[in-house]
Amino acid sequence: MKKILLVIFMAAALAACGTAYNNQLKQVELGMTQQQIVALMGDKYSVVDQKNNGDQTIEYVDKFKNHWFFTFVDGRLNKWYKETEN
């Protein structure tokens, strides 16, 4: 019985953790401006790609070492994706 309760407790604890940006990511939509993304996600990001025409990719790293990339084309969010460290 104790093992079952421990398993249930651990499952609930892990489910509660989620990702660091889970609530914010639910609000991200294609077409948002970089200013809107920064207002939503925070200002702790790195610029990882910058094109001459102004297109840009920024990166956020959460506490679980997930790397979230946001690519802007013509000032608007074109795509976003996650990479995880091994």
C-alpha atoms as a PDB file:
ATOM      1  CA  MET A   1       0.000   0.000   0.000  1.00  0.00           C
ATOM      2  CA  LYS A   2       2.848   2.382   0.830  1.00  0.00           C
ATOM      3  CA  LYS A   3       4.434   1.718  -2.563  1.00  0.00           C
ATOM      4  CA  ILE A   4       1.200   2.556  -4.364  1.00  0.00           C
ATOM      5  CA  LEU A   5       0.843   5.820  -2.438  1.00  0.00           C
ATOM      6  CA  LEU A   6       4.461   6.689  -3.162  1.00  0.00           C
ATOM      7  CA  VAL A   7       3.974   6.058  -6.886  1.00  0.00           C
ATOM      8  CA  ILE A   8       0.820   8.191  -6.933  1.00  0.00           C
ATOM      9  CA  PHE A   9       2.579  10.986  -5.049  1.00  0.00           C
ATOM     10  CA  MET A  10       5.598  10.923  -7.381  1.00  0.00           C
ATOM     11  CA  ALA A  11       3.394  10.949 -10.484  1.00  0.00           C
ATOM     12  CA  ALA A  12       1.451  13.942  -9.184  1.00  0.00           C
ATOM     13  CA  ALA A  13       4.641  15.780  -8.265  1.00  0.00           C
ATOM     14  CA  LEU A  14       6.170  15.228 -11.692  1.00  0.00           C
ATOM     15  CA  ALA A  15       2.996  16.267 -13.474  1.00  0.00           C
ATOM     16  CA  ALA A  16       2.904  19.505 -11.491  1.00  0.00           C
ATOM     17  CA  CYS A  17       6.421  20.448 -12.583  1.00  0.00           C
ATOM     18  CA  GLY A  18       5.713  20.759 -16.309  1.00  0.00           C
ATOM     19  CA  THR A  19       8.027  23.107 -18.191  1.00  0.00           C
ATOM     20  CA  ALA A  20       9.244  26.411 -16.847  1.00  0.00           C
ATOM     21  CA  TYR A  21       7.393  28.395 -19.520  1.00  0.00           C
ATOM     22  CA  ASN A  22       4.291  26.212 -19.808  1.00  0.00           C
ATOM     23  CA  ASN A  23       1.659  28.905 -19.109  1.00  0.00           C
ATOM     24  CA  GLN A  24       3.380  31.497 -21.277  1.00  0.00           C
ATOM     25  CA  LEU A  25       3.817  29.118 -24.216  1.00  0.00           C
ATOM     26  CA  LYS A  26       0.087  28.438 -24.294  1.00  0.00           C
ATOM     27  CA  GLN A  27      -0.407  32.108 -25.195  1.00  0.00           C
ATOM     28  CA  VAL A  28       2.145  32.244 -28.045  1.00  0.00           C
ATOM     29  CA  GLU A  29       0.656  32.716 -31.495  1.00  0.00           C
ATOM     30  CA  LEU A  30       2.170  33.025 -34.942  1.00  0.00           C
ATOM     31  CA  GLY A  31       2.312  36.635 -36.067  1.00  0.00           C
ATOM     32  CA  MET A  32       3.114  38.063 -32.643  1.00  0.00           C
ATOM     33  CA  THR A  33       5.815  40.745 -32.528  1.00  0.00           C
ATOM     34  CA  GLN A  34       9.098  40.256 -30.728  1.00  0.00           C
ATOM     35  CA  GLN A  35       7.990  42.836 -28.173  1.00  0.00           C
ATOM     36  CA  GLN A  36       4.872  40.771 -27.442  1.00  0.00           C
ATOM     37  CA  ILE A  37       6.953  37.596 -26.989  1.00  0.00           C
ATOM     38  CA  VAL A  38       9.400  39.365 -24.665  1.00  0.00           C
ATOM     39  CA  ALA A  39       6.512  40.814 -22.643  1.00  0.00           C
ATOM     40  CA  LEU A  40       5.105  37.291 -22.319  1.00  0.00           C
ATOM     41  CA  MET A  41       8.287  35.254 -21.801  1.00  0.00           C
ATOM     42  CA  GLY A  42      10.545  37.780 -20.072  1.00  0.00           C
ATOM     43  CA  ASP A  43      13.721  39.613 -20.993  1.00  0.00           C
ATOM     44  CA  LYS A  44      16.206  36.819 -20.213  1.00  0.00           C
ATOM     45  CA  TYR A  45      16.824  35.685 -23.785  1.00  0.00           C
ATOM     46  CA  SER A  46      19.750  35.475 -26.188  1.00  0.00           C
ATOM     47  CA  VAL A  47      19.820  36.489 -29.832  1.00  0.00           C
ATOM     48  CA  VAL A  48      21.116  33.383 -31.623  1.00  0.00           C
ATOM     49  CA  ASP A  49      20.655  34.447 -35.250  1.00  0.00           C
ATOM     50  CA  GLN A  50      20.445  37.873 -36.871  1.00  0.00           C
ATOM     51  CA  LYS A  51      19.974  38.403 -40.614  1.00  0.00           C
ATOM     52  CA  ASN A  52      20.881  41.577 -42.517  1.00  0.00           C
ATOM     53  CA  ASN A  53      17.211  42.145 -43.357  1.00  0.00           C
ATOM     54  CA  GLY A  54      16.314  42.274 -39.642  1.00  0.00           C
ATOM     55  CA  ASP A  55      14.994  38.717 -39.310  1.00  0.00           C
ATOM     56  CA  GLN A  56      16.024  37.314 -35.956  1.00  0.00           C
ATOM     57  CA  THR A  57      15.914  34.201 -33.768  1.00  0.00           C
ATOM     58  CA  ILE A  58      15.930  34.483 -29.986  1.00  0.00           C
ATOM     59  CA  GLU A  59      16.393  31.724 -27.418  1.00  0.00           C
ATOM     60  CA  TYR A  60      15.132  31.125 -23.899  1.00  0.00           C
ATOM     61  CA  VAL A  61      16.562  28.355 -21.692  1.00  0.00           C
ATOM     62  CA  ASP A  62      14.340  27.058 -18.900  1.00  0.00           C
ATOM     63  CA  LYS A  63      15.415  25.445 -15.632  1.00  0.00           C
ATOM     64  CA  PHE A  64      15.035  21.990 -17.208  1.00  0.00           C
ATOM     65  CA  LYS A  65      17.609  22.937 -19.905  1.00  0.00           C
ATOM     66  CA  ASN A  66      14.994  23.093 -22.642  1.00  0.00           C
ATOM     67  CA  HIS A  67      15.965  25.608 -25.314  1.00  0.00           C
ATOM     68  CA  TRP A  68      12.987  27.512 -26.746  1.00  0.00           C
ATOM     69  CA  PHE A  69      13.646  29.262 -30.065  1.00  0.00           C
ATOM     70  CA  PHE A  70      11.464  32.009 -31.553  1.00  0.00           C
ATOM     71  CA  THR A  71      12.117  33.052 -35.159  1.00  0.00           C
ATOM     72  CA  PHE A  72      10.857  36.409 -36.409  1.00  0.00           C
ATOM     73  CA  VAL A  73      10.470  37.277 -40.102  1.00  0.00           C
ATOM     74  CA  ASP A  74       9.525  40.834 -41.029  1.00  0.00           C
ATOM     75  CA  GLY A  75       9.100  41.575 -37.310  1.00  0.00           C
ATOM     76  CA  ARG A  76       6.510  38.824 -36.759  1.00  0.00           C
ATOM     77  CA  LEU A  77       6.777  35.375 -35.177  1.00  0.00           C
ATOM     78  CA  ASN A  78       7.220  32.877 -38.000  1.00  0.00           C
ATOM     79  CA  LYS A  79       7.911  29.730 -35.941  1.00  0.00           C
ATOM     80  CA  TRP A  80       8.902  28.528 -32.504  1.00  0.00           C
ATOM     81  CA  TYR A  81      10.300  25.207 -31.343  1.00  0.00           C
ATOM     82  CA  LYS A  82      12.056  23.441 -28.485  1.00  0.00           C
ATOM     83  CA  GLU A  83      15.360  21.588 -28.298  1.00  0.00           C
ATOM     84  CA  THR A  84      16.454  19.640 -25.236  1.00  0.00           C
ATOM     85  CA  GLU A  85      19.992  19.172 -23.973  1.00  0.00           C
ATOM     86  CA  ASN A  86      21.172  15.585 -23.687  1.00  0.00           C
END
